[in-house]
Amino acid sequence: MKSKNTIIVTGGAGYIGSHTIIELLETTGFNVVSIDNFSNSSAKTFERIEKITGRKITNYEVDLCSKNNVEKIFEIEKNIAGVIHFAAYKSVGESVLNPYKYYHNNISSLLNVLECCLKSNIPNFIFSSSCSVYGNISQLPVKEDTPFGKAESPYAYTKQAGEEIIKDYTTAFNQLQAIALRYFNPVGAHISGLIGESPINKANNLVPIITNTAIGKIEQMTVFGNDYPTRDGTCIRDYIHVTDIAAAHIKAMMYLINSQNKSNYSIFNLGTGTGVSVLEAISAFEKISGQKLKYTIGSKRPGDVIAIYSDTAKSENELGWKPKFTLEEMMETAWKWELEQINPIPTS
C-alpha cells in the first residue's frame, strides 16, 4: 500500500489557503489538492502559485455544501494524509447583515468535510479558526484556555460552533485527530509580491483597505471609532504575516502526523503577542510607503471587539513555531502586492 502523501486544502485559492499551498510545496514532500469554488477568490491564483513554485495545482471547483460532490472528490483522490480546512466566509460585518449565509456555508461545509474524512479514513485535520471565538475579554494576552466569550457576530459564532463540532467528532471517532488554529489578524503578502490578499468581494480587512486607499482604489478610508478604551481610542489587534500563518499549518500537520499531540484535539493561538492599534497600523504603512493616507473617523461597527492579542507560549513550546515578520515587513509586502496588481508580472 502506498504511503499517504497528499494534503487536501479547502479554500486553496483564498488568501491563507494559497500561501499555505506554497509553503507545503516548498517545504514538504506532499502533493497538494485544492477544493475551491471561487466564491471569493480567483482561479488566477493557481497561475500565480505555479509561477512561484513551478508546480501545477489540481483544484476541484466544488461547493463544499454539496455533500455528494465532496464525496466524489474524496473517492477520486487516494493516499490522503490530512485535510487543512480553510473554506469559509469570513466578513464580520456581512455576517451580521446576512447570518443565514454564514451559518449555512461555514457549518454545512465543515460537517461534509469531516464526514468524508471519516469515510475515507483520513486521520489528520487542521481547522482554520479565529481569535474572534474569545469575544470581548478584559484579560490580555489571550491564552488557549481562555473561555469563549459571547460571540460578537454570526461569523465568530460559526468558529465557536466549528471548534465544538470538531472536538465532538474527535471524541466520538478515535481515528480522527484535529488541531484548531486560532488566527489573530493575518496580513501582508508573499515576499515575491506575486500573491496576496485579493478578495473578489469588497475588502473588509484593515490592511487591504489601507493599500487600496494608498493606490487610489478607495478615495478615503474610514477608521471605525476613536473612543474605545485603548491608548489612542482605536481598536487593537494582533497582526501577523500570512506566510508565518501558513508555516504554522505545516508545523501543525506534522505535529499530528508524527504523533506529537497529547490528545485527539488541540488548540493553538497564532499571533505575535503584540497589540497594534488601527492608527498605529496606518502609521507603520505611511512609514514604509512614504505616503500620507486619507482617512476619516466614523462610527463604531457592530461586531468589532475592542482589543485582543495573543499569548504565544503554547504555539512556540509545543509546535515549535514562532513568527518571523515585523509589522513593517507585513506592510511592505502588502504594498508590494498592491503595486504588482497595477503592473502584473505575466503568469502564463
C-alpha atoms as a PDB file:
ATOM      1  CA  MET A   1       0.000   0.000   0.000  1.00  0.00           C
ATOM      2  CA  LYS A   2       1.312   3.441  -0.941  1.00  0.00           C
ATOM      3  CA  SER A   3       2.092   5.846   1.874  1.00  0.00           C
ATOM      4  CA  LYS A   4      -0.302   8.707   2.377  1.00  0.00           C
ATOM      5  CA  ASN A   5       1.367  11.620   0.613  1.00  0.00           C
ATOM      6  CA  THR A   6      -1.401  14.060  -0.318  1.00  0.00           C
ATOM      7  CA  ILE A   7      -2.821  17.017   1.605  1.00  0.00           C
ATOM      8  CA  ILE A   8      -6.243  18.370   0.677  1.00  0.00           C
ATOM      9  CA  VAL A   9      -6.583  22.139   1.135  1.00  0.00           C
ATOM     10  CA  THR A  10     -10.121  23.514   1.073  1.00  0.00           C
ATOM     11  CA  GLY A  11     -10.279  27.144   0.023  1.00  0.00           C
ATOM     12  CA  GLY A  12      -6.921  26.764  -1.703  1.00  0.00           C
ATOM     13  CA  ALA A  13      -7.365  29.867  -3.882  1.00  0.00           C
ATOM     14  CA  GLY A  14      -8.085  32.009  -0.838  1.00  0.00           C
ATOM     15  CA  TYR A  15      -5.704  34.301   0.970  1.00  0.00           C
ATOM     16  CA  ILE A  16      -4.306  31.973   3.632  1.00  0.00           C
ATOM     17  CA  GLY A  17      -5.021  28.785   1.671  1.00  0.00           C
ATOM     18  CA  SER A  18      -2.883  29.889  -1.278  1.00  0.00           C
ATOM     19  CA  HIS A  19       0.058  30.865   0.925  1.00  0.00           C
ATOM     20  CA  THR A  20      -0.197  27.546   2.766  1.00  0.00           C
ATOM     21  CA  ILE A  21      -0.131  25.642  -0.536  1.00  0.00           C
ATOM     22  CA  ILE A  22       3.094  27.466  -1.410  1.00  0.00           C
ATOM     23  CA  GLU A  23       4.629  26.521   1.952  1.00  0.00           C
ATOM     24  CA  LEU A  24       3.520  22.890   1.536  1.00  0.00           C
ATOM     25  CA  LEU A  25       5.087  22.687  -1.922  1.00  0.00           C
ATOM     26  CA  GLU A  26       8.310  24.448  -0.970  1.00  0.00           C
ATOM     27  CA  THR A  27       8.995  22.901   2.448  1.00  0.00           C
ATOM     28  CA  THR A  28       7.473  19.390   2.361  1.00  0.00           C
ATOM     29  CA  GLY A  29       7.271  16.415   0.010  1.00  0.00           C
ATOM     30  CA  PHE A  30       3.469  16.361  -0.031  1.00  0.00           C
ATOM     31  CA  ASN A  31       1.269  16.560  -3.091  1.00  0.00           C
ATOM     32  CA  VAL A  32      -1.448  19.182  -2.747  1.00  0.00           C
ATOM     33  CA  VAL A  33      -5.042  19.073  -3.977  1.00  0.00           C
ATOM     34  CA  SER A  34      -7.314  22.101  -3.615  1.00  0.00           C
ATOM     35  CA  ILE A  35     -11.090  22.400  -3.361  1.00  0.00           C
ATOM     36  CA  ASP A  36     -12.328  25.930  -4.101  1.00  0.00           C
ATOM     37  CA  ASN A  37     -15.438  27.191  -5.907  1.00  0.00           C
ATOM     38  CA  PHE A  38     -14.042  30.751  -6.248  1.00  0.00           C
ATOM     39  CA  SER A  39     -16.934  32.345  -4.354  1.00  0.00           C
ATOM     40  CA  ASN A  40     -14.498  34.944  -3.001  1.00  0.00           C
ATOM     41  CA  SER A  41     -11.279  34.170  -4.876  1.00  0.00           C
ATOM     42  CA  SER A  42      -9.902  33.798  -8.392  1.00  0.00           C
ATOM     43  CA  ALA A  43      -8.725  30.844 -10.470  1.00  0.00           C
ATOM     44  CA  LYS A  44      -5.758  33.022 -11.497  1.00  0.00           C
ATOM     45  CA  THR A  45      -4.361  32.402  -8.010  1.00  0.00           C
ATOM     46  CA  PHE A  46      -3.219  28.964  -9.164  1.00  0.00           C
ATOM     47  CA  GLU A  47      -1.314  30.520 -12.074  1.00  0.00           C
ATOM     48  CA  ARG A  48       0.488  32.691  -9.538  1.00  0.00           C
ATOM     49  CA  ILE A  49       1.247  29.687  -7.311  1.00  0.00           C
ATOM     50  CA  GLU A  50       2.717  27.915 -10.354  1.00  0.00           C
ATOM     51  CA  LYS A  51       4.829  30.993 -11.159  1.00  0.00           C
ATOM     52  CA  ILE A  52       6.274  30.928  -7.619  1.00  0.00           C
ATOM     53  CA  THR A  53       6.690  27.158  -7.144  1.00  0.00           C
ATOM     54  CA  GLY A  54       6.869  25.708 -10.659  1.00  0.00           C
ATOM     55  CA  ARG A  55       4.054  23.310  -9.714  1.00  0.00           C
ATOM     56  CA  LYS A  56       0.531  22.996 -11.142  1.00  0.00           C
ATOM     57  CA  ILE A  57      -2.256  22.524  -8.608  1.00  0.00           C
ATOM     58  CA  THR A  58      -5.246  20.262  -9.093  1.00  0.00           C
ATOM     59  CA  ASN A  59      -8.353  22.140  -7.983  1.00  0.00           C
ATOM     60  CA  TYR A  60     -11.917  20.890  -7.783  1.00  0.00           C
ATOM     61  CA  GLU A  61     -14.375  23.736  -8.348  1.00  0.00           C
ATOM     62  CA  VAL A  62     -16.985  22.384  -5.946  1.00  0.00           C
ATOM     63  CA  ASP A  63     -19.286  23.883  -3.334  1.00  0.00           C
ATOM     64  CA  LEU A  64     -18.428  22.112  -0.084  1.00  0.00           C
ATOM     65  CA  CYS A  65     -22.064  22.425   0.995  1.00  0.00           C
ATOM     66  CA  SER A  66     -22.876  19.778  -1.627  1.00  0.00           C
ATOM     67  CA  LYS A  67     -22.073  16.548   0.195  1.00  0.00           C
ATOM     68  CA  ASN A  68     -22.401  14.334  -2.891  1.00  0.00           C
ATOM     69  CA  ASN A  69     -19.865  16.385  -4.834  1.00  0.00           C
ATOM     70  CA  VAL A  70     -17.453  16.440  -1.910  1.00  0.00           C
ATOM     71  CA  GLU A  71     -17.730  12.662  -1.516  1.00  0.00           C
ATOM     72  CA  LYS A  72     -16.836  12.189  -5.206  1.00  0.00           C
ATOM     73  CA  ILE A  73     -13.583  14.117  -4.697  1.00  0.00           C
ATOM     74  CA  PHE A  74     -12.593  12.013  -1.704  1.00  0.00           C
ATOM     75  CA  GLU A  75     -13.337   8.874  -3.737  1.00  0.00           C
ATOM     76  CA  ILE A  76     -11.123  10.065  -6.616  1.00  0.00           C
ATOM     77  CA  GLU A  77      -8.172  11.246  -4.510  1.00  0.00           C
ATOM     78  CA  LYS A  78      -6.239   8.490  -2.776  1.00  0.00           C
ATOM     79  CA  ASN A  79      -3.465   8.368  -0.160  1.00  0.00           C
ATOM     80  CA  ILE A  80      -4.636  11.472   1.675  1.00  0.00           C
ATOM     81  CA  ALA A  81      -2.569  12.160   4.791  1.00  0.00           C
ATOM     82  CA  GLY A  82      -4.667  15.063   6.021  1.00  0.00           C
ATOM     83  CA  VAL A  83      -7.027  17.926   5.327  1.00  0.00           C
ATOM     84  CA  ILE A  84      -6.477  21.625   6.016  1.00  0.00           C
ATOM     85  CA  HIS A  85      -9.895  23.262   6.083  1.00  0.00           C
ATOM     86  CA  PHE A  86      -9.878  26.979   5.256  1.00  0.00           C
ATOM     87  CA  ALA A  87     -13.034  27.325   3.170  1.00  0.00           C
ATOM     88  CA  ALA A  88     -15.470  29.643   4.963  1.00  0.00           C
ATOM     89  CA  TYR A  89     -17.000  33.075   4.647  1.00  0.00           C
ATOM     90  CA  LYS A  90     -15.148  35.486   6.923  1.00  0.00           C
ATOM     91  CA  SER A  91     -16.560  39.028   6.877  1.00  0.00           C
ATOM     92  CA  VAL A  92     -17.736  40.057  10.352  1.00  0.00           C
ATOM     93  CA  GLY A  93     -19.916  42.874   9.019  1.00  0.00           C
ATOM     94  CA  GLU A  94     -21.544  40.775   6.302  1.00  0.00           C
ATOM     95  CA  SER A  95     -22.295  38.016   8.783  1.00  0.00           C
ATOM     96  CA  VAL A  96     -24.238  40.489  10.938  1.00  0.00           C
ATOM     97  CA  LEU A  97     -26.321  41.505   7.914  1.00  0.00           C
ATOM     98  CA  ASN A  98     -26.738  38.001   6.472  1.00  0.00           C
ATOM     99  CA  PRO A  99     -26.437  35.383   9.243  1.00  0.00           C
ATOM    100  CA  TYR A 100     -28.055  32.580   7.221  1.00  0.00           C
ATOM    101  CA  LYS A 101     -25.293  32.743   4.597  1.00  0.00           C
ATOM    102  CA  TYR A 102     -22.658  32.239   7.297  1.00  0.00           C
ATOM    103  CA  TYR A 103     -24.414  29.561   9.340  1.00  0.00           C
ATOM    104  CA  HIS A 104     -25.301  27.539   6.246  1.00  0.00           C
ATOM    105  CA  ASN A 105     -21.951  27.763   4.481  1.00  0.00           C
ATOM    106  CA  ASN A 106     -19.491  27.610   7.356  1.00  0.00           C
ATOM    107  CA  ILE A 107     -21.198  24.842   9.315  1.00  0.00           C
ATOM    108  CA  SER A 108     -22.526  22.673   6.450  1.00  0.00           C
ATOM    109  CA  SER A 109     -19.185  22.635   4.643  1.00  0.00           C
ATOM    110  CA  LEU A 110     -17.332  21.661   7.820  1.00  0.00           C
ATOM    111  CA  LEU A 111     -19.713  18.781   8.556  1.00  0.00           C
ATOM    112  CA  ASN A 112     -19.406  17.444   4.998  1.00  0.00           C
ATOM    113  CA  VAL A 113     -15.605  17.517   5.056  1.00  0.00           C
ATOM    114  CA  LEU A 114     -15.455  15.830   8.466  1.00  0.00           C
ATOM    115  CA  GLU A 115     -17.822  13.087   7.285  1.00  0.00           C
ATOM    116  CA  CYS A 116     -15.638  12.493   4.238  1.00  0.00           C
ATOM    117  CA  CYS A 117     -12.535  12.293   6.436  1.00  0.00           C
ATOM    118  CA  LEU A 118     -14.192   9.545   8.469  1.00  0.00           C
ATOM    119  CA  LYS A 119     -15.471   7.671   5.418  1.00  0.00           C
ATOM    120  CA  SER A 120     -12.064   7.806   3.691  1.00  0.00           C
ATOM    121  CA  ASN A 121     -10.118   7.063   6.882  1.00  0.00           C
ATOM    122  CA  ILE A 122      -8.191  10.343   6.792  1.00  0.00           C
ATOM    123  CA  PRO A 123      -6.729  10.793  10.283  1.00  0.00           C
ATOM    124  CA  ASN A 124      -5.371  14.359  10.376  1.00  0.00           C
ATOM    125  CA  PHE A 125      -7.481  17.525  10.274  1.00  0.00           C
ATOM    126  CA  ILE A 126      -6.446  21.184  10.668  1.00  0.00           C
ATOM    127  CA  PHE A 127      -9.188  23.763  11.195  1.00  0.00           C
ATOM    128  CA  SER A 128      -8.916  27.432  10.319  1.00  0.00           C
ATOM    129  CA  SER A 129     -10.327  29.122  13.418  1.00  0.00           C
ATOM    130  CA  SER A 130     -10.131  32.663  14.734  1.00  0.00           C
ATOM    131  CA  CYS A 131      -9.399  34.762  17.784  1.00  0.00           C
ATOM    132  CA  SER A 132     -12.982  36.004  17.404  1.00  0.00           C
ATOM    133  CA  VAL A 133     -14.019  32.948  19.472  1.00  0.00           C
ATOM    134  CA  TYR A 134     -12.802  34.834  22.571  1.00  0.00           C
ATOM    135  CA  GLY A 135     -15.194  37.760  22.120  1.00  0.00           C
ATOM    136  CA  ASN A 136     -14.675  40.931  24.151  1.00  0.00           C
ATOM    137  CA  ILE A 137     -12.466  39.983  27.084  1.00  0.00           C
ATOM    138  CA  SER A 138     -10.715  42.069  29.712  1.00  0.00           C
ATOM    139  CA  GLN A 139      -7.789  39.756  30.475  1.00  0.00           C
ATOM    140  CA  LEU A 140      -4.989  40.052  27.932  1.00  0.00           C
ATOM    141  CA  PRO A 141      -2.992  38.485  26.376  1.00  0.00           C
ATOM    142  CA  VAL A 142      -5.353  35.668  25.395  1.00  0.00           C
ATOM    143  CA  LYS A 143      -4.352  32.089  26.204  1.00  0.00           C
ATOM    144  CA  GLU A 144      -5.716  28.922  24.648  1.00  0.00           C
ATOM    145  CA  ASP A 145      -7.535  28.034  27.861  1.00  0.00           C
ATOM    146  CA  THR A 146      -9.292  31.418  27.990  1.00  0.00           C
ATOM    147  CA  PRO A 147     -13.021  30.559  27.880  1.00  0.00           C
ATOM    148  CA  PHE A 148     -15.150  31.560  24.920  1.00  0.00           C
ATOM    149  CA  GLY A 149     -16.747  34.956  25.359  1.00  0.00           C
ATOM    150  CA  LYS A 150     -20.044  35.998  23.826  1.00  0.00           C
ATOM    151  CA  ALA A 151     -19.715  35.776  20.058  1.00  0.00           C
ATOM    152  CA  GLU A 152     -19.833  39.344  18.725  1.00  0.00           C
ATOM    153  CA  SER A 153     -21.001  38.255  15.251  1.00  0.00           C
ATOM    154  CA  PRO A 154     -22.513  35.258  13.450  1.00  0.00           C
ATOM    155  CA  TYR A 155     -19.077  34.727  11.837  1.00  0.00           C
ATOM    156  CA  ALA A 156     -17.480  34.403  15.272  1.00  0.00           C
ATOM    157  CA  TYR A 157     -20.217  32.023  16.363  1.00  0.00           C
ATOM    158  CA  THR A 158     -19.555  29.746  13.364  1.00  0.00           C
ATOM    159  CA  LYS A 159     -15.948  29.463  14.541  1.00  0.00           C
ATOM    160  CA  GLN A 160     -17.018  28.679  18.107  1.00  0.00           C
ATOM    161  CA  ALA A 161     -19.514  26.102  16.830  1.00  0.00           C
ATOM    162  CA  GLY A 162     -16.968  24.697  14.380  1.00  0.00           C
ATOM    163  CA  GLU A 163     -14.468  24.062  17.157  1.00  0.00           C
ATOM    164  CA  GLU A 164     -17.116  22.354  19.297  1.00  0.00           C
ATOM    165  CA  ILE A 165     -18.165  20.158  16.363  1.00  0.00           C
ATOM    166  CA  ILE A 166     -14.582  19.080  15.704  1.00  0.00           C
ATOM    167  CA  LYS A 167     -13.966  18.377  19.391  1.00  0.00           C
ATOM    168  CA  ASP A 168     -17.101  16.199  19.481  1.00  0.00           C
ATOM    169  CA  TYR A 169     -16.002  14.319  16.348  1.00  0.00           C
ATOM    170  CA  THR A 170     -12.545  13.577  17.744  1.00  0.00           C
ATOM    171  CA  THR A 171     -14.178  12.340  20.965  1.00  0.00           C
ATOM    172  CA  ALA A 172     -16.687  10.127  19.178  1.00  0.00           C
ATOM    173  CA  PHE A 173     -14.341   8.806  16.486  1.00  0.00           C
ATOM    174  CA  ASN A 174     -10.926   7.871  17.810  1.00  0.00           C
ATOM    175  CA  GLN A 175      -9.407   7.527  14.325  1.00  0.00           C
ATOM    176  CA  LEU A 176      -9.668  11.310  13.810  1.00  0.00           C
ATOM    177  CA  GLN A 177      -7.268  13.813  15.352  1.00  0.00           C
ATOM    178  CA  ALA A 178      -7.507  17.539  14.852  1.00  0.00           C
ATOM    179  CA  ILE A 179      -5.997  20.927  15.604  1.00  0.00           C
ATOM    180  CA  ALA A 180      -7.835  24.253  15.650  1.00  0.00           C
ATOM    181  CA  LEU A 181      -5.551  27.174  14.817  1.00  0.00           C
ATOM    182  CA  ARG A 182      -6.945  30.425  16.163  1.00  0.00           C
ATOM    183  CA  TYR A 183      -5.585  33.168  13.910  1.00  0.00           C
ATOM    184  CA  PHE A 184      -5.322  36.664  15.146  1.00  0.00           C
ATOM    185  CA  ASN A 185      -5.100  39.103  12.183  1.00  0.00           C
ATOM    186  CA  PRO A 186      -3.303  37.753   9.096  1.00  0.00           C
ATOM    187  CA  VAL A 187      -1.852  40.486   6.871  1.00  0.00           C
ATOM    188  CA  GLY A 188       0.856  41.014   4.256  1.00  0.00           C
ATOM    189  CA  ALA A 189       1.684  39.048   1.130  1.00  0.00           C
ATOM    190  CA  HIS A 190       4.206  36.570  -0.260  1.00  0.00           C
ATOM    191  CA  ILE A 191       7.677  38.109  -0.447  1.00  0.00           C
ATOM    192  CA  SER A 192       7.682  37.665  -4.240  1.00  0.00           C
ATOM    193  CA  GLY A 193       4.842  40.191  -4.495  1.00  0.00           C
ATOM    194  CA  LEU A 194       3.066  37.742  -6.806  1.00  0.00           C
ATOM    195  CA  ILE A 195       0.321  36.693  -4.429  1.00  0.00           C
ATOM    196  CA  GLY A 196      -1.576  38.356  -1.617  1.00  0.00           C
ATOM    197  CA  GLU A 197      -4.994  39.253  -0.266  1.00  0.00           C
ATOM    198  CA  SER A 198      -7.360  39.878  -3.184  1.00  0.00           C
ATOM    199  CA  PRO A 199     -10.974  39.086  -2.349  1.00  0.00           C
ATOM    200  CA  ILE A 200     -13.493  39.205  -5.193  1.00  0.00           C
ATOM    201  CA  ASN A 201     -15.902  40.999  -2.910  1.00  0.00           C
ATOM    202  CA  LYS A 202     -15.221  44.394  -1.323  1.00  0.00           C
ATOM    203  CA  ALA A 203     -12.193  44.421   1.007  1.00  0.00           C
ATOM    204  CA  ASN A 204     -13.228  44.295   4.660  1.00  0.00           C
ATOM    205  CA  ASN A 205      -9.890  43.858   6.421  1.00  0.00           C
ATOM    206  CA  LEU A 206      -7.750  46.790   7.527  1.00  0.00           C
ATOM    207  CA  VAL A 207      -4.527  46.261   5.566  1.00  0.00           C
ATOM    208  CA  PRO A 208      -6.060  45.774   2.093  1.00  0.00           C
ATOM    209  CA  ILE A 209      -8.252  48.806   2.819  1.00  0.00           C
ATOM    210  CA  ILE A 210      -5.075  50.759   3.657  1.00  0.00           C
ATOM    211  CA  THR A 211      -3.307  49.675   0.453  1.00  0.00           C
ATOM    212  CA  ASN A 212      -6.463  50.203  -1.645  1.00  0.00           C
ATOM    213  CA  THR A 213      -6.644  53.752  -0.286  1.00  0.00           C
ATOM    214  CA  ALA A 214      -2.973  54.432  -0.948  1.00  0.00           C
ATOM    215  CA  ILE A 215      -3.253  53.216  -4.549  1.00  0.00           C
ATOM    216  CA  GLY A 216      -6.447  55.209  -5.184  1.00  0.00           C
ATOM    217  CA  LYS A 217      -8.994  52.381  -5.421  1.00  0.00           C
ATOM    218  CA  ILE A 218     -10.620  53.880  -2.332  1.00  0.00           C
ATOM    219  CA  GLU A 219     -10.779  57.671  -2.148  1.00  0.00           C
ATOM    220  CA  GLN A 220     -10.732  57.814   1.650  1.00  0.00           C
ATOM    221  CA  MET A 221     -10.767  55.090   4.266  1.00  0.00           C
ATOM    222  CA  THR A 222     -12.789  55.107   7.463  1.00  0.00           C
ATOM    223  CA  VAL A 223     -11.444  54.353  10.929  1.00  0.00           C
ATOM    224  CA  PHE A 224     -14.406  52.858  12.755  1.00  0.00           C
ATOM    225  CA  GLY A 225     -14.439  54.529  16.148  1.00  0.00           C
ATOM    226  CA  ASN A 226     -11.817  56.528  18.042  1.00  0.00           C
ATOM    227  CA  ASP A 227     -13.301  56.485  21.526  1.00  0.00           C
ATOM    228  CA  TYR A 228     -12.615  52.909  22.532  1.00  0.00           C
ATOM    229  CA  PRO A 229     -10.867  52.474  25.930  1.00  0.00           C
ATOM    230  CA  THR A 230      -7.445  51.951  24.256  1.00  0.00           C
ATOM    231  CA  ARG A 231      -4.260  54.018  24.147  1.00  0.00           C
ATOM    232  CA  ASP A 232      -5.339  56.039  21.086  1.00  0.00           C
ATOM    233  CA  GLY A 233      -9.072  55.292  21.063  1.00  0.00           C
ATOM    234  CA  THR A 234      -8.957  52.817  18.136  1.00  0.00           C
ATOM    235  CA  CYS A 235      -9.329  49.037  18.170  1.00  0.00           C
ATOM    236  CA  ILE A 236      -6.253  46.954  18.941  1.00  0.00           C
ATOM    237  CA  ARG A 237      -5.387  43.771  17.052  1.00  0.00           C
ATOM    238  CA  ASP A 238      -2.516  41.298  16.838  1.00  0.00           C
ATOM    239  CA  TYR A 239      -1.352  41.485  13.205  1.00  0.00           C
ATOM    240  CA  ILE A 240       0.645  38.549  11.860  1.00  0.00           C
ATOM    241  CA  HIS A 241       2.178  37.894   8.455  1.00  0.00           C
ATOM    242  CA  VAL A 242       0.278  35.441   6.249  1.00  0.00           C
ATOM    243  CA  THR A 243       3.430  33.435   5.489  1.00  0.00           C
ATOM    244  CA  ASP A 244       4.005  32.960   9.222  1.00  0.00           C
ATOM    245  CA  ILE A 245       0.407  31.719   9.479  1.00  0.00           C
ATOM    246  CA  ALA A 246       0.977  29.370   6.530  1.00  0.00           C
ATOM    247  CA  ALA A 247       4.140  27.965   8.124  1.00  0.00           C
ATOM    248  CA  ALA A 248       2.164  27.195  11.286  1.00  0.00           C
ATOM    249  CA  HIS A 249      -0.153  24.921   9.300  1.00  0.00           C
ATOM    250  CA  ILE A 250       2.775  22.802   8.185  1.00  0.00           C
ATOM    251  CA  LYS A 251       4.016  22.635  11.787  1.00  0.00           C
ATOM    252  CA  ALA A 252       0.524  21.630  12.946  1.00  0.00           C
ATOM    253  CA  MET A 253       0.097  18.939  10.298  1.00  0.00           C
ATOM    254  CA  MET A 254       3.490  17.397  11.080  1.00  0.00           C
ATOM    255  CA  TYR A 255       2.673  17.590  14.794  1.00  0.00           C
ATOM    256  CA  LEU A 256      -0.271  15.255  14.125  1.00  0.00           C
ATOM    257  CA  ILE A 257       1.451  13.031  11.564  1.00  0.00           C
ATOM    258  CA  ASN A 258       4.432  12.499  13.891  1.00  0.00           C
ATOM    259  CA  SER A 259       2.093  11.741  16.849  1.00  0.00           C
ATOM    260  CA  GLN A 260       3.382  14.599  18.960  1.00  0.00           C
ATOM    261  CA  ASN A 261      -0.145  15.513  20.070  1.00  0.00           C
ATOM    262  CA  LYS A 262      -1.110  14.667  23.640  1.00  0.00           C
ATOM    263  CA  SER A 263      -4.807  14.258  22.793  1.00  0.00           C
ATOM    264  CA  ASN A 264      -7.029  13.876  19.739  1.00  0.00           C
ATOM    265  CA  TYR A 265      -7.936  17.565  19.786  1.00  0.00           C
ATOM    266  CA  SER A 266      -5.595  20.520  20.326  1.00  0.00           C
ATOM    267  CA  ILE A 267      -5.885  24.306  20.089  1.00  0.00           C
ATOM    268  CA  PHE A 268      -3.158  26.827  19.287  1.00  0.00           C
ATOM    269  CA  ASN A 269      -3.183  30.612  19.060  1.00  0.00           C
ATOM    270  CA  LEU A 270      -1.370  32.128  16.078  1.00  0.00           C
ATOM    271  CA  GLY A 271      -0.289  35.683  16.819  1.00  0.00           C
ATOM    272  CA  THR A 272       2.791  37.752  17.552  1.00  0.00           C
ATOM    273  CA  GLY A 273       1.800  38.607  21.112  1.00  0.00           C
ATOM    274  CA  THR A 274       1.847  42.336  20.345  1.00  0.00           C
ATOM    275  CA  GLY A 275      -1.261  44.503  20.086  1.00  0.00           C
ATOM    276  CA  VAL A 276      -1.314  47.191  17.392  1.00  0.00           C
ATOM    277  CA  SER A 277      -3.994  49.888  17.112  1.00  0.00           C
ATOM    278  CA  VAL A 278      -5.634  50.908  13.848  1.00  0.00           C
ATOM    279  CA  LEU A 279      -3.848  54.258  13.919  1.00  0.00           C
ATOM    280  CA  GLU A 280      -0.510  52.560  14.642  1.00  0.00           C
ATOM    281  CA  ALA A 281      -1.049  50.256  11.660  1.00  0.00           C
ATOM    282  CA  ILE A 282      -1.755  53.276   9.446  1.00  0.00           C
ATOM    283  CA  SER A 283       1.396  54.970  10.749  1.00  0.00           C
ATOM    284  CA  ALA A 284       3.508  51.873  10.014  1.00  0.00           C
ATOM    285  CA  PHE A 285       2.217  51.800   6.441  1.00  0.00           C
ATOM    286  CA  GLU A 286       2.886  55.511   5.952  1.00  0.00           C
ATOM    287  CA  LYS A 287       6.442  54.948   7.176  1.00  0.00           C
ATOM    288  CA  ILE A 288       7.305  52.164   4.716  1.00  0.00           C
ATOM    289  CA  SER A 289       5.440  53.647   1.727  1.00  0.00           C
ATOM    290  CA  GLY A 290       6.235  57.311   2.201  1.00  0.00           C
ATOM    291  CA  GLN A 291       2.560  58.069   1.546  1.00  0.00           C
ATOM    292  CA  LYS A 292       0.115  60.002   3.689  1.00  0.00           C
ATOM    293  CA  LEU A 293      -3.199  58.169   3.892  1.00  0.00           C
ATOM    294  CA  LYS A 294      -6.551  59.898   3.618  1.00  0.00           C
ATOM    295  CA  TYR A 295      -8.856  58.710   6.357  1.00  0.00           C
ATOM    296  CA  THR A 296     -11.817  59.888   8.365  1.00  0.00           C
ATOM    297  CA  ILE A 297     -13.170  58.822  11.746  1.00  0.00           C
ATOM    298  CA  GLY A 298     -16.502  57.003  11.529  1.00  0.00           C
ATOM    299  CA  SER A 299     -18.871  55.370  13.994  1.00  0.00           C
ATOM    300  CA  LYS A 300     -18.144  52.013  15.591  1.00  0.00           C
ATOM    301  CA  ARG A 301     -19.039  48.866  13.649  1.00  0.00           C
ATOM    302  CA  PRO A 302     -21.324  46.194  15.082  1.00  0.00           C
ATOM    303  CA  GLY A 303     -19.377  43.030  15.892  1.00  0.00           C
ATOM    304  CA  ASP A 304     -15.963  44.635  16.452  1.00  0.00           C
ATOM    305  CA  VAL A 305     -14.129  43.692  19.636  1.00  0.00           C
ATOM    306  CA  ILE A 306     -12.183  46.412  21.458  1.00  0.00           C
ATOM    307  CA  ALA A 307      -8.761  44.824  21.852  1.00  0.00           C
ATOM    308  CA  ILE A 308      -7.256  41.378  21.503  1.00  0.00           C
ATOM    309  CA  TYR A 309      -3.762  39.934  21.236  1.00  0.00           C
ATOM    310  CA  SER A 310      -2.243  36.541  21.805  1.00  0.00           C
ATOM    311  CA  ASP A 311      -0.188  34.710  24.359  1.00  0.00           C
ATOM    312  CA  THR A 312       2.271  32.840  22.108  1.00  0.00           C
ATOM    313  CA  ALA A 313       3.866  30.459  24.628  1.00  0.00           C
ATOM    314  CA  LYS A 314       1.952  27.288  23.728  1.00  0.00           C
ATOM    315  CA  SER A 315       2.471  27.511  19.953  1.00  0.00           C
ATOM    316  CA  GLU A 316       6.163  28.258  20.493  1.00  0.00           C
ATOM    317  CA  ASN A 317       6.741  25.481  23.037  1.00  0.00           C
ATOM    318  CA  GLU A 318       4.616  22.691  21.548  1.00  0.00           C
ATOM    319  CA  LEU A 319       4.511  23.391  17.811  1.00  0.00           C
ATOM    320  CA  GLY A 320       7.992  24.894  17.664  1.00  0.00           C
ATOM    321  CA  TRP A 321       6.506  27.824  15.726  1.00  0.00           C
ATOM    322  CA  LYS A 322       7.471  31.453  16.072  1.00  0.00           C
ATOM    323  CA  PRO A 323       6.523  34.330  13.729  1.00  0.00           C
ATOM    324  CA  LYS A 324       9.393  35.965  11.839  1.00  0.00           C
ATOM    325  CA  PHE A 325       7.945  39.042  10.097  1.00  0.00           C
ATOM    326  CA  THR A 326       7.830  42.512  11.686  1.00  0.00           C
ATOM    327  CA  LEU A 327       4.886  44.924  11.335  1.00  0.00           C
ATOM    328  CA  GLU A 328       6.887  46.998   8.840  1.00  0.00           C
ATOM    329  CA  GLU A 329       7.624  43.877   6.760  1.00  0.00           C
ATOM    330  CA  MET A 330       3.930  42.984   6.824  1.00  0.00           C
ATOM    331  CA  MET A 331       3.076  46.408   5.422  1.00  0.00           C
ATOM    332  CA  GLU A 332       5.954  46.343   2.936  1.00  0.00           C
ATOM    333  CA  THR A 333       4.854  43.023   1.396  1.00  0.00           C
ATOM    334  CA  ALA A 334       1.195  44.101   1.331  1.00  0.00           C
ATOM    335  CA  TRP A 335       2.177  47.266  -0.533  1.00  0.00           C
ATOM    336  CA  LYS A 336       4.395  45.306  -2.953  1.00  0.00           C
ATOM    337  CA  TRP A 337       1.408  43.090  -3.760  1.00  0.00           C
ATOM    338  CA  GLU A 338      -0.872  46.107  -4.276  1.00  0.00           C
ATOM    339  CA  LEU A 339       1.624  47.661  -6.683  1.00  0.00           C
ATOM    340  CA  GLU A 340       2.040  44.360  -8.539  1.00  0.00           C
ATOM    341  CA  GLN A 341      -1.661  44.299  -9.356  1.00  0.00           C
ATOM    342  CA  ILE A 342      -1.294  47.594 -11.281  1.00  0.00           C
ATOM    343  CA  ASN A 343       1.632  46.284 -13.320  1.00  0.00           C
ATOM    344  CA  PRO A 344       1.344  42.500 -13.068  1.00  0.00           C
ATOM    345  CA  ILE A 345       4.167  40.158 -13.916  1.00  0.00           C
ATOM    346  CA  PRO A 346       2.851  37.745 -16.592  1.00  0.00           C
ATOM    347  CA  THR A 347       1.829  34.427 -15.050  1.00  0.00           C
ATOM    348  CA  SER A 348       1.481  32.383 -18.223  1.00  0.00           C
END
